[in-house]
Every structure is written in C-alpha cells, then in structure tokens.
Amino acid sequence: NFFIQALAQSKQKIKAAVSTSNATTKLLEKHEIPVFTLSEVHTLPIYFDGADEINHSLQMIKGGGGALFQEKLVGSSSEIFVCMVDESKYVSRLGKFPLPIEVLPAARSYVARHLLKLGINPQLRVGFVTDNGNSILDCPNFDIDEPLQTEKAINEIVGVIECGIFARRRADKLVLAKESGVEILS
C-alpha cells in the first residue's frame, strides 16, 4: 500500500499496473493508475510486492492476505521480481509465519488429510474466501527446511490451487528496510 501511494505521488507517469487482488486494484484505481489483467499485457517487465517472510536465498512465504494464487501467477510471469520487506520478515528459515495454501472448497478436507500425512497441521481460515472463490488453509508451526521440495509436494496434492511457498519463483531482488537504512540484496 505504501509503495502504491509513493508511485501515485511520484512525478513519473505510471503507464499501467497488473494487480494481484481486488483490494490492490481499488487502491490503484483510487490513485488513477490504470490497471490491466495479466491476459491484457504482452510482457511484465517488473513485479514489486511484499512478503510475509523471505529467507537469505530470497525464497518467500506469501499469501497471508489471501491473494497467493494471483501473486504467484504475476510473479511467475514477471521478468524481474522485487520483494520489499522490513527486517522483521527477513529470516534464516521459512515457517514461523503460517503457510497459507489456497484450495478448492470441495477438496478442503481431502487436502487437509494429505497435509497431515506430510506433518503439516492445517487450519481453515474461517469466514474467508479468496478473490477466486477458494478457501485458505493456514499451516502454523511448520519449519520449512527444503522450500523447493515442500512447495512441489504440496502443489501435487489434488485440490490445491497453490501454496504460499515461493521457492521455484523466488525474488530476484530484495529491498530490505532496516533501522540503519535500506539494503538491496540479490
């Protein structure tokens, strides 16, 4: 939200943006920044977004706000993915933040049973529906030692739309806000 506000206040004319959620679309439109769908653009040169956690390999957990499928789709479609976080979200191991998993509502129990077999204890995000009409299973207290393998294993469960591990498509750059200033890491 702060980044969108800064874009709106900059002297640069923003040609357009691709949004990852209905809430972000509303904020962009409020600031008169044109919004296109991913299907309406030929290329997406750069994608800016935050993360719930990011490790030293620039692998992330995203989707705490519930837009993880859209975020992964746009991130995977971008040439450069820039993640912006404060130092509280920069971790040595992913998993302190509850891992969100977007699932088809009809498959929720099936997916939950398979997650339990993987040692993951899912909890339904009660009263929440994604912009795509799906459910979110949040998985707290799950240390992710092998993000790539864990992302693949979860996404192979029938009924999973997408999990919130961004290891296959990690960030290309990290803008890390610290008390001592801003660092840019690659």
N, C-alpha and C. Protein backbone atom coordinates (compact mmCIF):
# COMPACT_ATOMS: atom_id res chain seq x y z
N ASN A 1 0.82 -1.20 0.00
CA ASN A 1 0.00 0.00 0.00
C ASN A 1 0.87 1.26 0.00
N PHE A 2 1.93 1.25 0.82
CA PHE A 2 2.82 2.41 0.85
C PHE A 2 3.50 2.60 -0.50
N PHE A 3 3.87 1.50 -1.13
CA PHE A 3 4.53 1.58 -2.43
C PHE A 3 3.59 2.18 -3.47
N ILE A 4 2.35 1.76 -3.48
CA ILE A 4 1.37 2.31 -4.43
C ILE A 4 1.16 3.79 -4.17
N GLN A 5 1.08 4.19 -2.91
CA GLN A 5 0.93 5.60 -2.58
C GLN A 5 2.15 6.39 -3.05
N ALA A 6 3.34 5.82 -2.88
CA ALA A 6 4.55 6.50 -3.35
C ALA A 6 4.57 6.62 -4.87
N LEU A 7 4.12 5.58 -5.57
CA LEU A 7 4.02 5.66 -7.03
C LEU A 7 3.08 6.78 -7.45
N ALA A 8 1.96 6.88 -6.78
CA ALA A 8 0.96 7.89 -7.12
C ALA A 8 1.51 9.30 -6.88
N GLN A 9 2.35 9.46 -5.88
CA GLN A 9 2.90 10.78 -5.55
C GLN A 9 4.14 11.13 -6.34
N SER A 10 4.72 10.16 -7.03
CA SER A 10 5.94 10.43 -7.80
C SER A 10 5.61 11.29 -9.01
N LYS A 11 6.62 11.92 -9.53
CA LYS A 11 6.45 12.77 -10.70
C LYS A 11 6.40 11.95 -11.99
N GLN A 12 6.74 10.66 -11.88
CA GLN A 12 6.76 9.78 -13.04
C GLN A 12 5.34 9.37 -13.42
N LYS A 13 5.05 9.35 -14.69
CA LYS A 13 3.76 8.87 -15.17
C LYS A 13 3.80 7.34 -15.20
N ILE A 14 2.92 6.73 -14.45
CA ILE A 14 2.84 5.26 -14.41
C ILE A 14 1.93 4.83 -15.55
N LYS A 15 2.50 4.10 -16.51
CA LYS A 15 1.74 3.68 -17.68
C LYS A 15 0.57 2.79 -17.30
N ALA A 16 0.85 1.77 -16.47
CA ALA A 16 -0.20 0.84 -16.05
C ALA A 16 0.39 -0.14 -15.05
N ALA A 17 -0.50 -0.89 -14.40
CA ALA A 17 -0.08 -1.91 -13.45
C ALA A 17 -0.95 -3.15 -13.64
N VAL A 18 -0.40 -4.28 -13.24
CA VAL A 18 -1.17 -5.52 -13.16
C VAL A 18 -1.34 -5.77 -11.67
N SER A 19 -2.56 -5.98 -11.26
CA SER A 19 -2.88 -6.14 -9.84
C SER A 19 -2.99 -7.61 -9.46
N THR A 20 -2.73 -7.89 -8.16
CA THR A 20 -2.83 -9.26 -7.67
C THR A 20 -4.04 -9.49 -6.78
N SER A 21 -4.83 -8.43 -6.52
CA SER A 21 -6.01 -8.62 -5.68
C SER A 21 -7.04 -7.52 -5.95
N ASN A 22 -8.27 -7.79 -5.57
CA ASN A 22 -9.31 -6.77 -5.72
C ASN A 22 -8.99 -5.53 -4.89
N ALA A 23 -8.45 -5.72 -3.69
CA ALA A 23 -8.11 -4.59 -2.82
C ALA A 23 -7.02 -3.73 -3.45
N THR A 24 -6.01 -4.36 -4.04
CA THR A 24 -4.93 -3.60 -4.70
C THR A 24 -5.47 -2.88 -5.92
N THR A 25 -6.35 -3.51 -6.67
CA THR A 25 -6.97 -2.87 -7.83
C THR A 25 -7.69 -1.60 -7.40
N LYS A 26 -8.46 -1.67 -6.33
CA LYS A 26 -9.19 -0.49 -5.84
C LYS A 26 -8.23 0.62 -5.45
N LEU A 27 -7.12 0.28 -4.79
CA LEU A 27 -6.14 1.29 -4.39
C LEU A 27 -5.46 1.92 -5.61
N LEU A 28 -5.11 1.11 -6.59
CA LEU A 28 -4.50 1.64 -7.82
C LEU A 28 -5.48 2.58 -8.53
N GLU A 29 -6.73 2.15 -8.65
CA GLU A 29 -7.73 2.97 -9.33
C GLU A 29 -7.99 4.27 -8.57
N LYS A 30 -7.96 4.22 -7.25
CA LYS A 30 -8.13 5.42 -6.43
C LYS A 30 -7.07 6.46 -6.76
N HIS A 31 -5.86 5.97 -7.06
CA HIS A 31 -4.74 6.86 -7.40
C HIS A 31 -4.61 7.08 -8.91
N GLU A 32 -5.66 6.67 -9.64
CA GLU A 32 -5.74 6.86 -11.10
C GLU A 32 -4.58 6.22 -11.85
N ILE A 33 -4.15 5.07 -11.35
CA ILE A 33 -3.15 4.26 -12.06
C ILE A 33 -3.92 3.20 -12.83
N PRO A 34 -3.80 3.18 -14.16
CA PRO A 34 -4.55 2.20 -14.96
C PRO A 34 -4.17 0.76 -14.58
N VAL A 35 -5.18 -0.09 -14.54
CA VAL A 35 -4.98 -1.49 -14.15
C VAL A 35 -5.36 -2.40 -15.31
N PHE A 36 -4.47 -3.32 -15.63
CA PHE A 36 -4.71 -4.32 -16.66
C PHE A 36 -4.65 -5.70 -16.03
N THR A 37 -5.31 -6.65 -16.66
CA THR A 37 -5.16 -8.04 -16.24
C THR A 37 -3.90 -8.59 -16.89
N LEU A 38 -3.42 -9.68 -16.37
CA LEU A 38 -2.24 -10.32 -16.93
C LEU A 38 -2.48 -10.73 -18.38
N SER A 39 -3.72 -11.09 -18.71
CA SER A 39 -4.06 -11.50 -20.07
C SER A 39 -4.02 -10.34 -21.07
N GLU A 40 -4.06 -9.13 -20.56
CA GLU A 40 -4.09 -7.95 -21.44
C GLU A 40 -2.71 -7.39 -21.75
N VAL A 41 -1.67 -7.93 -21.14
CA VAL A 41 -0.32 -7.41 -21.39
C VAL A 41 0.53 -8.47 -22.07
N HIS A 42 1.49 -8.02 -22.86
CA HIS A 42 2.38 -8.96 -23.56
C HIS A 42 3.52 -9.41 -22.66
N THR A 43 4.06 -8.46 -21.91
CA THR A 43 5.16 -8.77 -21.00
C THR A 43 4.93 -8.03 -19.69
N LEU A 44 5.55 -8.52 -18.67
CA LEU A 44 5.52 -7.86 -17.37
C LEU A 44 6.99 -7.70 -16.95
N PRO A 45 7.56 -6.53 -17.26
CA PRO A 45 8.99 -6.35 -17.03
C PRO A 45 9.40 -6.43 -15.56
N ILE A 46 8.55 -5.94 -14.65
CA ILE A 46 8.94 -5.92 -13.24
C ILE A 46 7.71 -6.05 -12.35
N TYR A 47 7.88 -6.79 -11.27
CA TYR A 47 6.81 -7.00 -10.31
C TYR A 47 7.34 -6.63 -8.94
N PHE A 48 6.67 -5.70 -8.26
CA PHE A 48 7.01 -5.29 -6.91
C PHE A 48 5.94 -5.82 -5.97
N ASP A 49 6.37 -6.44 -4.87
CA ASP A 49 5.42 -6.89 -3.86
C ASP A 49 6.16 -7.16 -2.56
N GLY A 50 5.42 -7.30 -1.51
CA GLY A 50 5.98 -7.65 -0.21
C GLY A 50 5.95 -9.15 -0.02
N ALA A 51 6.27 -9.57 1.18
CA ALA A 51 6.23 -10.99 1.54
C ALA A 51 5.94 -11.08 3.03
N ASP A 52 5.43 -12.22 3.43
CA ASP A 52 5.21 -12.47 4.85
C ASP A 52 6.50 -12.91 5.52
N GLU A 53 7.34 -13.61 4.76
CA GLU A 53 8.70 -13.99 5.18
C GLU A 53 9.55 -14.13 3.93
N ILE A 54 10.84 -13.87 4.08
CA ILE A 54 11.79 -14.12 2.99
C ILE A 54 13.10 -14.57 3.62
N ASN A 55 13.71 -15.61 3.02
CA ASN A 55 14.96 -16.12 3.57
C ASN A 55 16.16 -15.57 2.80
N HIS A 56 17.34 -16.01 3.17
CA HIS A 56 18.58 -15.50 2.59
C HIS A 56 18.77 -15.94 1.13
N SER A 57 18.02 -16.95 0.70
CA SER A 57 18.04 -17.37 -0.71
C SER A 57 16.96 -16.66 -1.52
N LEU A 58 16.26 -15.71 -0.90
CA LEU A 58 15.17 -14.93 -1.49
C LEU A 58 13.96 -15.79 -1.85
N GLN A 59 13.81 -16.91 -1.14
CA GLN A 59 12.59 -17.72 -1.21
C GLN A 59 11.63 -17.14 -0.17
N MET A 60 10.34 -17.21 -0.45
CA MET A 60 9.39 -16.49 0.39
C MET A 60 8.20 -17.34 0.79
N ILE A 61 7.50 -16.84 1.83
CA ILE A 61 6.12 -17.20 2.11
C ILE A 61 5.32 -15.95 1.81
N LYS A 62 4.32 -16.12 0.95
CA LYS A 62 3.42 -15.04 0.58
C LYS A 62 1.98 -15.56 0.67
N GLY A 63 1.04 -14.66 0.67
CA GLY A 63 -0.35 -15.06 0.65
C GLY A 63 -1.08 -14.88 1.96
N GLY A 64 -0.42 -14.25 2.94
CA GLY A 64 -1.08 -14.01 4.21
C GLY A 64 -2.35 -13.18 4.08
N GLY A 65 -2.37 -12.34 3.05
CA GLY A 65 -3.57 -11.55 2.77
C GLY A 65 -4.60 -12.31 1.95
N GLY A 66 -4.24 -13.51 1.48
CA GLY A 66 -5.19 -14.36 0.78
C GLY A 66 -5.12 -14.30 -0.73
N ALA A 67 -4.18 -13.56 -1.30
CA ALA A 67 -4.11 -13.44 -2.76
C ALA A 67 -2.95 -14.26 -3.33
N LEU A 68 -2.63 -15.38 -2.71
CA LEU A 68 -1.41 -16.08 -3.09
C LEU A 68 -1.41 -16.63 -4.50
N PHE A 69 -2.53 -17.12 -5.00
CA PHE A 69 -2.53 -17.63 -6.38
C PHE A 69 -2.23 -16.51 -7.36
N GLN A 70 -2.91 -15.39 -7.20
CA GLN A 70 -2.69 -14.25 -8.11
C GLN A 70 -1.24 -13.75 -7.99
N GLU A 71 -0.72 -13.70 -6.75
CA GLU A 71 0.66 -13.26 -6.55
C GLU A 71 1.64 -14.20 -7.24
N LYS A 72 1.39 -15.49 -7.14
CA LYS A 72 2.30 -16.45 -7.77
C LYS A 72 2.20 -16.38 -9.29
N LEU A 73 1.00 -16.18 -9.79
CA LEU A 73 0.81 -16.06 -11.24
C LEU A 73 1.54 -14.84 -11.79
N VAL A 74 1.36 -13.70 -11.15
CA VAL A 74 2.01 -12.47 -11.61
C VAL A 74 3.52 -12.57 -11.40
N GLY A 75 3.94 -13.09 -10.25
CA GLY A 75 5.38 -13.25 -10.00
C GLY A 75 6.03 -14.16 -11.03
N SER A 76 5.37 -15.25 -11.37
CA SER A 76 5.92 -16.20 -12.35
C SER A 76 5.95 -15.61 -13.75
N SER A 77 5.09 -14.64 -14.00
CA SER A 77 5.01 -14.02 -15.33
C SER A 77 5.97 -12.85 -15.49
N SER A 78 6.57 -12.42 -14.42
CA SER A 78 7.42 -11.23 -14.48
C SER A 78 8.86 -11.57 -14.84
N GLU A 79 9.50 -10.62 -15.49
CA GLU A 79 10.91 -10.79 -15.82
C GLU A 79 11.78 -10.58 -14.59
N ILE A 80 11.43 -9.58 -13.77
CA ILE A 80 12.16 -9.28 -12.54
C ILE A 80 11.15 -9.17 -11.41
N PHE A 81 11.43 -9.86 -10.31
CA PHE A 81 10.55 -9.85 -9.14
C PHE A 81 11.32 -9.17 -8.01
N VAL A 82 10.81 -8.02 -7.57
CA VAL A 82 11.44 -7.27 -6.49
C VAL A 82 10.55 -7.39 -5.26
N CYS A 83 11.10 -7.93 -4.18
CA CYS A 83 10.38 -8.05 -2.92
C CYS A 83 10.83 -6.93 -1.99
N MET A 84 9.87 -6.32 -1.31
CA MET A 84 10.16 -5.23 -0.37
C MET A 84 9.62 -5.61 1.00
N VAL A 85 10.50 -5.70 2.00
CA VAL A 85 10.08 -6.03 3.37
C VAL A 85 10.93 -5.26 4.37
N ASP A 86 10.44 -5.24 5.61
CA ASP A 86 11.29 -4.72 6.68
C ASP A 86 12.04 -5.90 7.29
N GLU A 87 13.04 -5.59 8.10
CA GLU A 87 13.95 -6.64 8.59
C GLU A 87 13.27 -7.68 9.48
N SER A 88 12.08 -7.40 10.01
CA SER A 88 11.38 -8.39 10.82
C SER A 88 10.92 -9.59 9.99
N LYS A 89 10.86 -9.43 8.68
CA LYS A 89 10.39 -10.51 7.80
C LYS A 89 11.54 -11.26 7.11
N TYR A 90 12.76 -10.84 7.40
CA TYR A 90 13.96 -11.46 6.82
C TYR A 90 14.42 -12.54 7.78
N VAL A 91 14.29 -13.82 7.38
CA VAL A 91 14.51 -14.95 8.28
C VAL A 91 15.54 -15.92 7.71
N SER A 92 16.13 -16.71 8.60
CA SER A 92 17.07 -17.73 8.13
C SER A 92 16.34 -18.98 7.65
N ARG A 93 15.15 -19.25 8.22
CA ARG A 93 14.36 -20.41 7.81
C ARG A 93 12.89 -20.01 7.73
N LEU A 94 12.23 -20.40 6.64
CA LEU A 94 10.81 -20.10 6.47
C LEU A 94 9.97 -20.98 7.39
N GLY A 95 8.84 -20.46 7.81
CA GLY A 95 7.89 -21.28 8.54
C GLY A 95 7.36 -20.69 9.84
N LYS A 96 7.98 -19.63 10.32
CA LYS A 96 7.42 -19.00 11.52
C LYS A 96 6.05 -18.39 11.20
N PHE A 97 5.95 -17.78 10.02
CA PHE A 97 4.66 -17.26 9.57
C PHE A 97 3.84 -18.46 9.07
N PRO A 98 2.56 -18.56 9.45
CA PRO A 98 1.74 -19.70 9.00
C PRO A 98 1.65 -19.76 7.47
N LEU A 99 2.00 -20.91 6.93
CA LEU A 99 1.98 -21.11 5.48
C LEU A 99 0.54 -21.18 4.97
N PRO A 100 0.13 -20.26 4.08
CA PRO A 100 -1.21 -20.34 3.50
C PRO A 100 -1.22 -21.27 2.28
N ILE A 101 -2.31 -22.01 2.15
CA ILE A 101 -2.49 -22.88 0.99
C ILE A 101 -3.90 -22.63 0.46
N GLU A 102 -4.00 -22.23 -0.81
CA GLU A 102 -5.31 -21.99 -1.43
C GLU A 102 -5.82 -23.31 -2.00
N VAL A 103 -7.06 -23.67 -1.61
CA VAL A 103 -7.63 -24.95 -2.02
C VAL A 103 -9.05 -24.76 -2.55
N LEU A 104 -9.44 -25.68 -3.42
CA LEU A 104 -10.84 -25.71 -3.84
C LEU A 104 -11.70 -26.04 -2.63
N PRO A 105 -12.79 -25.34 -2.42
CA PRO A 105 -13.62 -25.61 -1.24
C PRO A 105 -14.05 -27.08 -1.15
N ALA A 106 -14.39 -27.70 -2.25
CA ALA A 106 -14.84 -29.10 -2.24
C ALA A 106 -13.73 -30.07 -1.84
N ALA A 107 -12.48 -29.65 -1.97
CA ALA A 107 -11.35 -30.52 -1.69
C ALA A 107 -10.69 -30.23 -0.34
N ARG A 108 -11.26 -29.32 0.41
CA ARG A 108 -10.63 -28.85 1.65
C ARG A 108 -10.27 -29.99 2.60
N SER A 109 -11.19 -30.87 2.91
CA SER A 109 -10.92 -31.98 3.85
C SER A 109 -9.92 -32.97 3.28
N TYR A 110 -10.05 -33.26 1.99
CA TYR A 110 -9.12 -34.17 1.33
C TYR A 110 -7.69 -33.63 1.42
N VAL A 111 -7.54 -32.35 1.09
CA VAL A 111 -6.21 -31.72 1.13
C VAL A 111 -5.68 -31.73 2.57
N ALA A 112 -6.53 -31.39 3.53
CA ALA A 112 -6.12 -31.35 4.93
C ALA A 112 -5.58 -32.71 5.39
N ARG A 113 -6.25 -33.79 5.01
CA ARG A 113 -5.79 -35.13 5.39
C ARG A 113 -4.40 -35.42 4.80
N HIS A 114 -4.17 -35.01 3.56
CA HIS A 114 -2.86 -35.24 2.93
C HIS A 114 -1.78 -34.36 3.54
N LEU A 115 -2.14 -33.16 3.94
CA LEU A 115 -1.16 -32.29 4.61
C LEU A 115 -0.74 -32.89 5.94
N LEU A 116 -1.70 -33.47 6.67
CA LEU A 116 -1.38 -34.13 7.94
C LEU A 116 -0.35 -35.24 7.74
N LYS A 117 -0.48 -35.99 6.63
CA LYS A 117 0.49 -37.06 6.32
C LYS A 117 1.89 -36.50 6.08
N LEU A 118 1.97 -35.23 5.65
CA LEU A 118 3.27 -34.58 5.43
C LEU A 118 3.79 -33.91 6.70
N GLY A 119 3.06 -34.06 7.81
CA GLY A 119 3.48 -33.44 9.06
C GLY A 119 3.06 -31.99 9.19
N ILE A 120 2.09 -31.59 8.39
CA ILE A 120 1.60 -30.21 8.39
C ILE A 120 0.22 -30.20 9.02
N ASN A 121 -0.01 -29.30 9.97
CA ASN A 121 -1.29 -29.22 10.68
C ASN A 121 -2.10 -28.03 10.14
N PRO A 122 -2.96 -28.26 9.14
CA PRO A 122 -3.70 -27.15 8.53
C PRO A 122 -4.89 -26.70 9.38
N GLN A 123 -5.17 -25.40 9.28
CA GLN A 123 -6.34 -24.83 9.94
C GLN A 123 -7.08 -23.98 8.92
N LEU A 124 -8.38 -24.18 8.83
CA LEU A 124 -9.19 -23.41 7.90
C LEU A 124 -9.22 -21.95 8.32
N ARG A 125 -9.01 -21.05 7.39
CA ARG A 125 -9.18 -19.61 7.65
C ARG A 125 -10.68 -19.35 7.58
N VAL A 126 -11.30 -19.35 8.73
CA VAL A 126 -12.76 -19.28 8.84
C VAL A 126 -13.28 -17.93 8.36
N GLY A 127 -14.36 -17.99 7.56
CA GLY A 127 -15.02 -16.77 7.10
C GLY A 127 -14.28 -16.04 6.01
N PHE A 128 -13.29 -16.69 5.40
CA PHE A 128 -12.50 -16.03 4.35
C PHE A 128 -12.66 -16.78 3.04
N VAL A 129 -12.86 -16.03 1.97
CA VAL A 129 -12.91 -16.59 0.62
C VAL A 129 -11.97 -15.76 -0.24
N THR A 130 -11.12 -16.42 -1.03
CA THR A 130 -10.19 -15.69 -1.89
C THR A 130 -10.94 -14.97 -3.00
N ASP A 131 -10.26 -14.07 -3.68
CA ASP A 131 -10.85 -13.38 -4.82
C ASP A 131 -11.28 -14.36 -5.91
N ASN A 132 -10.70 -15.57 -5.90
CA ASN A 132 -11.03 -16.61 -6.88
C ASN A 132 -12.10 -17.55 -6.37
N GLY A 133 -12.65 -17.29 -5.18
CA GLY A 133 -13.73 -18.11 -4.63
C GLY A 133 -13.27 -19.37 -3.91
N ASN A 134 -12.00 -19.41 -3.54
CA ASN A 134 -11.45 -20.60 -2.89
C ASN A 134 -11.27 -20.40 -1.39
N SER A 135 -10.89 -21.48 -0.71
CA SER A 135 -10.62 -21.46 0.72
C SER A 135 -9.12 -21.38 0.95
N ILE A 136 -8.74 -20.95 2.16
CA ILE A 136 -7.34 -20.92 2.58
C ILE A 136 -7.19 -21.83 3.79
N LEU A 137 -6.20 -22.72 3.71
CA LEU A 137 -5.76 -23.49 4.86
C LEU A 137 -4.45 -22.86 5.33
N ASP A 138 -4.42 -22.41 6.58
CA ASP A 138 -3.19 -21.86 7.15
C ASP A 138 -2.48 -22.96 7.93
N CYS A 139 -1.16 -23.01 7.80
CA CYS A 139 -0.38 -24.07 8.42
C CYS A 139 0.68 -23.46 9.34
N PRO A 140 0.34 -23.30 10.64
CA PRO A 140 1.29 -22.70 11.58
C PRO A 140 2.31 -23.72 12.08
N ASN A 141 3.39 -23.18 12.67
CA ASN A 141 4.41 -24.01 13.33
C ASN A 141 4.95 -25.10 12.42
N PHE A 142 5.32 -24.71 11.23
CA PHE A 142 5.83 -25.67 10.25
C PHE A 142 7.15 -25.14 9.70
N ASP A 143 8.26 -25.68 10.19
CA ASP A 143 9.57 -25.26 9.72
C ASP A 143 9.81 -25.83 8.33
N ILE A 144 10.15 -24.97 7.41
CA ILE A 144 10.33 -25.37 6.01
C ILE A 144 11.83 -25.45 5.72
N ASP A 145 12.39 -26.63 5.88
CA ASP A 145 13.82 -26.82 5.68
C ASP A 145 14.20 -26.92 4.20
N GLU A 146 13.29 -27.43 3.38
CA GLU A 146 13.56 -27.59 1.95
C GLU A 146 12.42 -26.96 1.17
N PRO A 147 12.46 -25.63 0.98
CA PRO A 147 11.34 -24.92 0.35
C PRO A 147 10.95 -25.44 -1.03
N LEU A 148 11.92 -25.74 -1.89
CA LEU A 148 11.60 -26.21 -3.24
C LEU A 148 10.83 -27.53 -3.21
N GLN A 149 11.33 -28.50 -2.43
CA GLN A 149 10.69 -29.80 -2.36
C GLN A 149 9.33 -29.71 -1.68
N THR A 150 9.23 -28.87 -0.65
CA THR A 150 7.96 -28.73 0.07
C THR A 150 6.91 -28.08 -0.81
N GLU A 151 7.31 -27.05 -1.56
CA GLU A 151 6.38 -26.39 -2.50
C GLU A 151 5.86 -27.41 -3.51
N LYS A 152 6.75 -28.20 -4.06
CA LYS A 152 6.37 -29.20 -5.07
C LYS A 152 5.43 -30.25 -4.46
N ALA A 153 5.75 -30.76 -3.28
CA ALA A 153 4.94 -31.80 -2.65
C ALA A 153 3.53 -31.30 -2.34
N ILE A 154 3.42 -30.09 -1.84
CA ILE A 154 2.09 -29.54 -1.51
C ILE A 154 1.29 -29.30 -2.78
N ASN A 155 1.92 -28.71 -3.78
CA ASN A 155 1.21 -28.40 -5.02
C ASN A 155 0.78 -29.64 -5.79
N GLU A 156 1.36 -30.80 -5.50
CA GLU A 156 0.96 -32.03 -6.17
C GLU A 156 -0.30 -32.65 -5.58
N ILE A 157 -0.77 -32.16 -4.44
CA ILE A 157 -1.98 -32.69 -3.83
C ILE A 157 -3.19 -32.21 -4.64
N VAL A 158 -4.00 -33.14 -5.09
CA VAL A 158 -5.19 -32.79 -5.86
C VAL A 158 -6.09 -31.90 -5.01
N GLY A 159 -6.52 -30.79 -5.58
CA GLY A 159 -7.38 -29.84 -4.87
C GLY A 159 -6.65 -28.61 -4.40
N VAL A 160 -5.30 -28.67 -4.38
CA VAL A 160 -4.52 -27.49 -4.04
C VAL A 160 -4.44 -26.60 -5.28
N ILE A 161 -4.84 -25.36 -5.12
CA ILE A 161 -4.69 -24.39 -6.21
C ILE A 161 -3.24 -23.92 -6.24
N GLU A 162 -2.74 -23.52 -5.08
CA GLU A 162 -1.35 -23.07 -4.97
C GLU A 162 -1.00 -22.94 -3.51
N CYS A 163 0.26 -23.18 -3.17
CA CYS A 163 0.71 -22.95 -1.80
C CYS A 163 1.52 -21.66 -1.76
N GLY A 164 1.66 -21.12 -0.57
CA GLY A 164 2.29 -19.82 -0.40
C GLY A 164 3.80 -19.84 -0.34
N ILE A 165 4.43 -20.98 -0.66
CA ILE A 165 5.89 -21.01 -0.75
C ILE A 165 6.29 -20.52 -2.14
N PHE A 166 7.13 -19.53 -2.18
CA PHE A 166 7.65 -19.00 -3.44
C PHE A 166 9.13 -19.35 -3.50
N ALA A 167 9.43 -20.60 -3.83
CA ALA A 167 10.81 -21.06 -3.93
C ALA A 167 11.20 -21.28 -5.38
N ARG A 168 10.30 -21.88 -6.15
CA ARG A 168 10.56 -22.09 -7.58
C ARG A 168 10.70 -20.74 -8.27
N ARG A 169 9.81 -19.81 -7.95
CA ARG A 169 9.92 -18.43 -8.46
C ARG A 169 10.19 -17.54 -7.26
N ARG A 170 11.45 -17.46 -6.93
CA ARG A 170 11.86 -16.63 -5.80
C ARG A 170 12.03 -15.19 -6.28
N ALA A 171 12.29 -14.30 -5.35
CA ALA A 171 12.55 -12.90 -5.71
C ALA A 171 13.91 -12.80 -6.40
N ASP A 172 14.02 -11.86 -7.32
CA ASP A 172 15.31 -11.58 -7.95
C ASP A 172 16.10 -10.57 -7.14
N LYS A 173 15.38 -9.67 -6.50
CA LYS A 173 16.00 -8.63 -5.67
C LYS A 173 15.16 -8.44 -4.42
N LEU A 174 15.84 -8.07 -3.35
CA LEU A 174 15.17 -7.78 -2.08
C LEU A 174 15.52 -6.35 -1.67
N VAL A 175 14.50 -5.55 -1.45
CA VAL A 175 14.68 -4.23 -0.86
C VAL A 175 14.35 -4.41 0.61
N LEU A 176 15.38 -4.35 1.45
CA LEU A 176 15.26 -4.66 2.87
C LEU A 176 15.37 -3.38 3.69
N ALA A 177 14.28 -3.01 4.32
CA ALA A 177 14.26 -1.82 5.18
C ALA A 177 14.75 -2.19 6.57
N LYS A 178 15.82 -1.52 7.00
CA LYS A 178 16.39 -1.77 8.31
C LYS A 178 16.44 -0.45 9.07
N GLU A 179 16.63 -0.52 10.37
CA GLU A 179 16.75 0.71 11.15
C GLU A 179 17.93 1.55 10.66
N SER A 180 18.96 0.90 10.18
CA SER A 180 20.16 1.61 9.72
C SER A 180 20.04 2.12 8.28
N GLY A 181 18.94 1.79 7.60
CA GLY A 181 18.75 2.23 6.22
C GLY A 181 18.24 1.10 5.36
N VAL A 182 18.29 1.32 4.07
CA VAL A 182 17.77 0.33 3.12
C VAL A 182 18.92 -0.39 2.45
N GLU A 183 18.81 -1.72 2.37
CA GLU A 183 19.78 -2.55 1.66
C GLU A 183 19.08 -3.18 0.47
N ILE A 184 19.81 -3.34 -0.62
CA ILE A 184 19.27 -4.05 -1.79
C ILE A 184 20.13 -5.29 -1.97
N LEU A 185 19.47 -6.45 -1.90
CA LEU A 185 20.16 -7.73 -2.00
C LEU A 185 19.71 -8.48 -3.24
N SER A 186 20.61 -9.28 -3.81
CA SER A 186 20.28 -10.10 -4.98
C SER A 186 20.60 -11.55 -4.70
